[in-house]
Amino acid sequence: VSEFAKKEGMKILCMPDGTREIKGGYTGDLLSWVMGRAKADDAWVTIMSNGNVVAVAALTDVSCVIFAEGVEPDSTVIETATQKGINLLSCERDAFSICRTLAECLI
């Protein structure tokens, strides 16, 4: 996660486990949908930024959450993510662009 974030110029909001490997990706904003479909070690791309994102990320064991379009959660969400070991990144690009880059890195 750390290498991907640096390579792509993403803003690191919290990185409690930068050594996590990204093995896939998932994009979605409907949290119940993400809970049932995201896989462990996916990079999850979303614009949702409330505290429930951290809960879903922990439940699905994604390697990181990438907030698209410059979205940043508040400090409480970042603190909770740090405590739960969830890597949070923010990127100015749209979700499609982030996913395209992610797919290219995984091939």
N, C-alpha and C. Protein backbone atom coordinates (compact mmCIF):
# COMPACT_ATOMS: atom_id res chain seq x y z
N VAL A 1 0.83 -1.19 0.00
CA VAL A 1 0.00 0.00 0.00
C VAL A 1 0.88 1.25 0.00
N SER A 2 1.90 1.23 0.82
CA SER A 2 2.78 2.40 0.91
C SER A 2 3.44 2.71 -0.43
N GLU A 3 3.96 1.70 -1.09
CA GLU A 3 4.61 1.91 -2.39
C GLU A 3 3.62 2.42 -3.43
N PHE A 4 2.42 1.85 -3.47
CA PHE A 4 1.39 2.28 -4.41
C PHE A 4 1.02 3.74 -4.16
N ALA A 5 0.82 4.10 -2.90
CA ALA A 5 0.44 5.47 -2.55
C ALA A 5 1.51 6.47 -2.99
N LYS A 6 2.76 6.14 -2.73
CA LYS A 6 3.85 7.04 -3.11
C LYS A 6 3.98 7.15 -4.62
N LYS A 7 3.93 6.00 -5.29
CA LYS A 7 4.07 5.98 -6.75
C LYS A 7 2.98 6.80 -7.43
N GLU A 8 1.77 6.74 -6.89
CA GLU A 8 0.63 7.42 -7.51
C GLU A 8 0.38 8.82 -6.93
N GLY A 9 1.21 9.26 -6.01
CA GLY A 9 1.08 10.60 -5.45
C GLY A 9 -0.17 10.80 -4.62
N MET A 10 -0.59 9.74 -3.94
CA MET A 10 -1.79 9.84 -3.11
C MET A 10 -1.44 10.41 -1.74
N LYS A 11 -2.38 11.10 -1.18
CA LYS A 11 -2.20 11.66 0.16
C LYS A 11 -2.45 10.55 1.18
N ILE A 12 -1.50 10.34 2.07
CA ILE A 12 -1.66 9.34 3.12
C ILE A 12 -2.35 9.99 4.30
N LEU A 13 -3.55 9.51 4.61
CA LEU A 13 -4.31 10.03 5.75
C LEU A 13 -3.93 9.28 7.02
N CYS A 14 -3.76 7.99 6.91
CA CYS A 14 -3.18 7.18 7.98
C CYS A 14 -2.67 5.89 7.34
N MET A 15 -1.55 5.40 7.86
CA MET A 15 -0.92 4.22 7.28
C MET A 15 -0.38 3.33 8.41
N PRO A 16 -1.28 2.72 9.19
CA PRO A 16 -0.81 1.86 10.27
C PRO A 16 -0.15 0.57 9.80
N ASP A 17 -0.42 0.16 8.55
CA ASP A 17 0.17 -1.07 8.02
C ASP A 17 0.49 -0.91 6.54
N GLY A 18 1.50 -0.11 6.26
CA GLY A 18 1.87 0.18 4.88
C GLY A 18 2.42 -0.99 4.11
N THR A 19 2.76 -2.07 4.80
CA THR A 19 3.31 -3.25 4.12
C THR A 19 2.22 -4.15 3.54
N ARG A 20 0.95 -3.83 3.80
CA ARG A 20 -0.13 -4.66 3.24
C ARG A 20 -0.02 -4.71 1.73
N GLU A 21 -0.25 -5.87 1.17
CA GLU A 21 -0.22 -6.06 -0.27
C GLU A 21 -1.60 -5.81 -0.85
N ILE A 22 -1.64 -5.15 -2.00
CA ILE A 22 -2.89 -4.95 -2.73
C ILE A 22 -2.97 -6.07 -3.77
N LYS A 23 -3.99 -6.91 -3.64
CA LYS A 23 -4.13 -8.05 -4.56
C LYS A 23 -5.30 -7.88 -5.53
N GLY A 24 -6.11 -6.87 -5.31
CA GLY A 24 -7.27 -6.64 -6.16
C GLY A 24 -7.86 -5.28 -5.83
N GLY A 25 -9.02 -5.02 -6.36
CA GLY A 25 -9.66 -3.75 -6.10
C GLY A 25 -11.16 -3.87 -6.12
N TYR A 26 -11.81 -2.93 -5.47
CA TYR A 26 -13.26 -2.86 -5.48
C TYR A 26 -13.65 -1.40 -5.39
N THR A 27 -14.67 -1.03 -6.15
CA THR A 27 -15.18 0.33 -6.12
C THR A 27 -16.66 0.29 -5.78
N GLY A 28 -17.05 1.09 -4.81
CA GLY A 28 -18.46 1.15 -4.46
C GLY A 28 -18.69 2.09 -3.30
N ASP A 29 -19.91 2.61 -3.25
CA ASP A 29 -20.28 3.56 -2.21
C ASP A 29 -21.45 3.06 -1.36
N LEU A 30 -22.11 2.00 -1.79
CA LEU A 30 -23.19 1.42 -1.01
C LEU A 30 -22.58 0.41 -0.06
N LEU A 31 -22.50 0.77 1.21
CA LEU A 31 -21.71 0.01 2.17
C LEU A 31 -22.16 -1.44 2.29
N SER A 32 -23.45 -1.70 2.26
CA SER A 32 -23.92 -3.08 2.36
C SER A 32 -23.48 -3.89 1.15
N TRP A 33 -23.40 -3.26 0.01
CA TRP A 33 -22.94 -3.92 -1.21
C TRP A 33 -21.45 -4.25 -1.10
N VAL A 34 -20.67 -3.30 -0.61
CA VAL A 34 -19.24 -3.50 -0.44
C VAL A 34 -18.97 -4.63 0.56
N MET A 35 -19.75 -4.67 1.65
CA MET A 35 -19.57 -5.72 2.66
C MET A 35 -19.68 -7.11 2.06
N GLY A 36 -20.57 -7.28 1.11
CA GLY A 36 -20.79 -8.59 0.51
C GLY A 36 -19.90 -8.91 -0.67
N ARG A 37 -19.15 -7.94 -1.17
CA ARG A 37 -18.41 -8.18 -2.40
C ARG A 37 -16.91 -7.88 -2.36
N ALA A 38 -16.50 -6.93 -1.55
CA ALA A 38 -15.06 -6.64 -1.46
C ALA A 38 -14.36 -7.83 -0.81
N LYS A 39 -13.14 -8.05 -1.25
CA LYS A 39 -12.37 -9.19 -0.75
C LYS A 39 -11.17 -8.71 0.07
N ALA A 40 -10.68 -9.60 0.90
CA ALA A 40 -9.48 -9.30 1.68
C ALA A 40 -8.36 -8.90 0.71
N ASP A 41 -7.60 -7.92 1.08
CA ASP A 41 -6.47 -7.40 0.33
C ASP A 41 -6.84 -6.59 -0.91
N ASP A 42 -8.13 -6.29 -1.09
CA ASP A 42 -8.53 -5.35 -2.14
C ASP A 42 -8.19 -3.93 -1.70
N ALA A 43 -7.97 -3.06 -2.66
CA ALA A 43 -7.97 -1.62 -2.41
C ALA A 43 -9.39 -1.16 -2.72
N TRP A 44 -10.04 -0.58 -1.75
CA TRP A 44 -11.43 -0.15 -1.91
C TRP A 44 -11.45 1.33 -2.25
N VAL A 45 -12.04 1.67 -3.40
CA VAL A 45 -12.14 3.05 -3.86
C VAL A 45 -13.57 3.53 -3.63
N THR A 46 -13.71 4.67 -2.96
CA THR A 46 -15.03 5.19 -2.60
C THR A 46 -14.99 6.70 -2.44
N ILE A 47 -16.17 7.30 -2.38
CA ILE A 47 -16.28 8.71 -2.00
C ILE A 47 -16.95 8.84 -0.64
N MET A 48 -17.40 7.73 -0.08
CA MET A 48 -18.03 7.74 1.25
C MET A 48 -16.95 8.01 2.29
N SER A 49 -17.25 8.84 3.26
CA SER A 49 -16.20 9.19 4.22
C SER A 49 -16.66 9.15 5.67
N ASN A 50 -17.80 8.56 5.95
CA ASN A 50 -18.26 8.51 7.34
C ASN A 50 -17.62 7.35 8.09
N GLY A 51 -17.86 7.28 9.36
CA GLY A 51 -17.24 6.27 10.21
C GLY A 51 -17.56 4.85 9.83
N ASN A 52 -18.67 4.62 9.17
CA ASN A 52 -19.03 3.27 8.76
C ASN A 52 -18.06 2.69 7.74
N VAL A 53 -17.36 3.53 7.03
CA VAL A 53 -16.35 3.07 6.07
C VAL A 53 -15.28 2.27 6.78
N VAL A 54 -14.86 2.74 7.94
CA VAL A 54 -13.83 2.03 8.70
C VAL A 54 -14.35 0.67 9.15
N ALA A 55 -15.59 0.62 9.60
CA ALA A 55 -16.18 -0.64 10.04
C ALA A 55 -16.25 -1.64 8.89
N VAL A 56 -16.66 -1.19 7.72
CA VAL A 56 -16.75 -2.07 6.56
C VAL A 56 -15.35 -2.50 6.12
N ALA A 57 -14.40 -1.59 6.15
CA ALA A 57 -13.02 -1.93 5.77
C ALA A 57 -12.46 -2.99 6.70
N ALA A 58 -12.73 -2.88 7.99
CA ALA A 58 -12.26 -3.87 8.95
C ALA A 58 -12.95 -5.22 8.73
N LEU A 59 -14.24 -5.18 8.49
CA LEU A 59 -15.00 -6.41 8.27
C LEU A 59 -14.54 -7.17 7.04
N THR A 60 -14.25 -6.44 5.97
CA THR A 60 -13.85 -7.07 4.70
C THR A 60 -12.35 -7.31 4.62
N ASP A 61 -11.59 -6.72 5.52
CA ASP A 61 -10.13 -6.86 5.57
C ASP A 61 -9.45 -6.35 4.30
N VAL A 62 -9.96 -5.22 3.76
CA VAL A 62 -9.31 -4.62 2.60
C VAL A 62 -7.94 -4.09 3.01
N SER A 63 -7.04 -4.00 2.05
CA SER A 63 -5.69 -3.52 2.36
C SER A 63 -5.65 -2.01 2.57
N CYS A 64 -6.59 -1.30 1.95
CA CYS A 64 -6.67 0.15 2.14
C CYS A 64 -7.99 0.67 1.60
N VAL A 65 -8.33 1.86 2.03
CA VAL A 65 -9.46 2.60 1.47
C VAL A 65 -8.87 3.81 0.77
N ILE A 66 -9.27 4.00 -0.48
CA ILE A 66 -8.82 5.17 -1.25
C ILE A 66 -10.03 6.05 -1.48
N PHE A 67 -10.00 7.25 -0.94
CA PHE A 67 -11.07 8.21 -1.15
C PHE A 67 -10.80 8.97 -2.44
N ALA A 68 -11.72 8.87 -3.38
CA ALA A 68 -11.58 9.51 -4.69
C ALA A 68 -12.01 10.97 -4.63
N GLU A 69 -11.62 11.72 -5.65
CA GLU A 69 -12.03 13.11 -5.88
C GLU A 69 -11.69 14.04 -4.72
N GLY A 70 -10.58 13.72 -4.03
CA GLY A 70 -10.10 14.59 -2.96
C GLY A 70 -10.89 14.51 -1.66
N VAL A 71 -11.79 13.55 -1.57
CA VAL A 71 -12.57 13.38 -0.34
C VAL A 71 -11.63 13.01 0.81
N GLU A 72 -11.87 13.60 1.96
CA GLU A 72 -11.13 13.27 3.18
C GLU A 72 -12.10 13.17 4.33
N PRO A 73 -12.03 12.08 5.09
CA PRO A 73 -12.90 11.96 6.27
C PRO A 73 -12.41 12.89 7.38
N ASP A 74 -13.27 13.07 8.39
CA ASP A 74 -12.86 13.92 9.51
C ASP A 74 -11.86 13.21 10.40
N SER A 75 -11.30 13.93 11.34
CA SER A 75 -10.23 13.41 12.19
C SER A 75 -10.67 12.21 13.04
N THR A 76 -11.94 12.16 13.42
CA THR A 76 -12.44 11.03 14.21
C THR A 76 -12.37 9.74 13.41
N VAL A 77 -12.73 9.80 12.15
CA VAL A 77 -12.68 8.63 11.27
C VAL A 77 -11.22 8.19 11.09
N ILE A 78 -10.33 9.14 10.90
CA ILE A 78 -8.91 8.82 10.73
C ILE A 78 -8.35 8.19 12.01
N GLU A 79 -8.71 8.72 13.16
CA GLU A 79 -8.26 8.13 14.43
C GLU A 79 -8.74 6.69 14.59
N THR A 80 -10.01 6.46 14.28
CA THR A 80 -10.58 5.11 14.39
C THR A 80 -9.88 4.16 13.43
N ALA A 81 -9.62 4.61 12.22
CA ALA A 81 -8.93 3.78 11.23
C ALA A 81 -7.53 3.43 11.71
N THR A 82 -6.85 4.38 12.29
CA THR A 82 -5.50 4.13 12.82
C THR A 82 -5.55 3.07 13.91
N GLN A 83 -6.51 3.19 14.82
CA GLN A 83 -6.66 2.23 15.92
C GLN A 83 -6.99 0.82 15.40
N LYS A 84 -7.76 0.75 14.32
CA LYS A 84 -8.18 -0.55 13.78
C LYS A 84 -7.22 -1.10 12.73
N GLY A 85 -6.15 -0.36 12.43
CA GLY A 85 -5.16 -0.83 11.46
C GLY A 85 -5.59 -0.72 10.01
N ILE A 86 -6.45 0.26 9.71
CA ILE A 86 -6.95 0.45 8.35
C ILE A 86 -6.18 1.59 7.68
N ASN A 87 -5.57 1.31 6.54
CA ASN A 87 -4.85 2.33 5.77
C ASN A 87 -5.86 3.19 5.01
N LEU A 88 -5.72 4.50 5.13
CA LEU A 88 -6.59 5.44 4.42
C LEU A 88 -5.75 6.36 3.54
N LEU A 89 -6.17 6.45 2.28
CA LEU A 89 -5.52 7.33 1.30
C LEU A 89 -6.55 8.24 0.68
N SER A 90 -6.12 9.37 0.16
CA SER A 90 -7.00 10.26 -0.58
C SER A 90 -6.31 10.62 -1.89
N CYS A 91 -7.12 10.74 -2.93
CA CYS A 91 -6.59 11.03 -4.27
C CYS A 91 -7.52 12.03 -4.95
N GLU A 92 -6.96 12.99 -5.64
CA GLU A 92 -7.76 14.00 -6.34
C GLU A 92 -8.47 13.44 -7.58
N ARG A 93 -7.97 12.32 -8.11
CA ARG A 93 -8.56 11.75 -9.32
C ARG A 93 -9.92 11.11 -9.06
N ASP A 94 -10.68 10.91 -10.13
CA ASP A 94 -11.98 10.26 -9.99
C ASP A 94 -11.80 8.74 -9.83
N ALA A 95 -12.85 8.07 -9.42
CA ALA A 95 -12.78 6.64 -9.13
C ALA A 95 -12.34 5.83 -10.36
N PHE A 96 -12.83 6.18 -11.53
CA PHE A 96 -12.47 5.45 -12.75
C PHE A 96 -10.96 5.52 -12.97
N SER A 97 -10.40 6.70 -12.85
CA SER A 97 -8.95 6.87 -13.08
C SER A 97 -8.13 6.10 -12.06
N ILE A 98 -8.56 6.12 -10.81
CA ILE A 98 -7.85 5.38 -9.77
C ILE A 98 -7.91 3.88 -10.07
N CYS A 99 -9.07 3.39 -10.45
CA CYS A 99 -9.23 1.96 -10.75
C CYS A 99 -8.42 1.55 -11.96
N ARG A 100 -8.36 2.41 -12.96
CA ARG A 100 -7.55 2.10 -14.13
C ARG A 100 -6.08 1.96 -13.75
N THR A 101 -5.59 2.88 -12.95
CA THR A 101 -4.20 2.82 -12.49
C THR A 101 -3.96 1.59 -11.63
N LEU A 102 -4.89 1.30 -10.75
CA LEU A 102 -4.78 0.13 -9.90
C LEU A 102 -4.71 -1.15 -10.73
N ALA A 103 -5.57 -1.25 -11.72
CA ALA A 103 -5.57 -2.44 -12.59
C ALA A 103 -4.26 -2.58 -13.35
N GLU A 104 -3.71 -1.47 -13.82
CA GLU A 104 -2.43 -1.53 -14.53
C GLU A 104 -1.31 -2.00 -13.61
N CYS A 105 -1.35 -1.61 -12.36
CA CYS A 105 -0.32 -2.01 -11.40
C CYS A 105 -0.42 -3.49 -11.03
N LEU A 106 -1.61 -4.04 -11.11
CA LEU A 106 -1.84 -5.42 -10.71
C LEU A 106 -1.59 -6.42 -11.83
N ILE A 107 -1.51 -5.94 -13.05
CA ILE A 107 -1.31 -6.85 -14.20
C ILE A 107 0.13 -7.26 -14.29
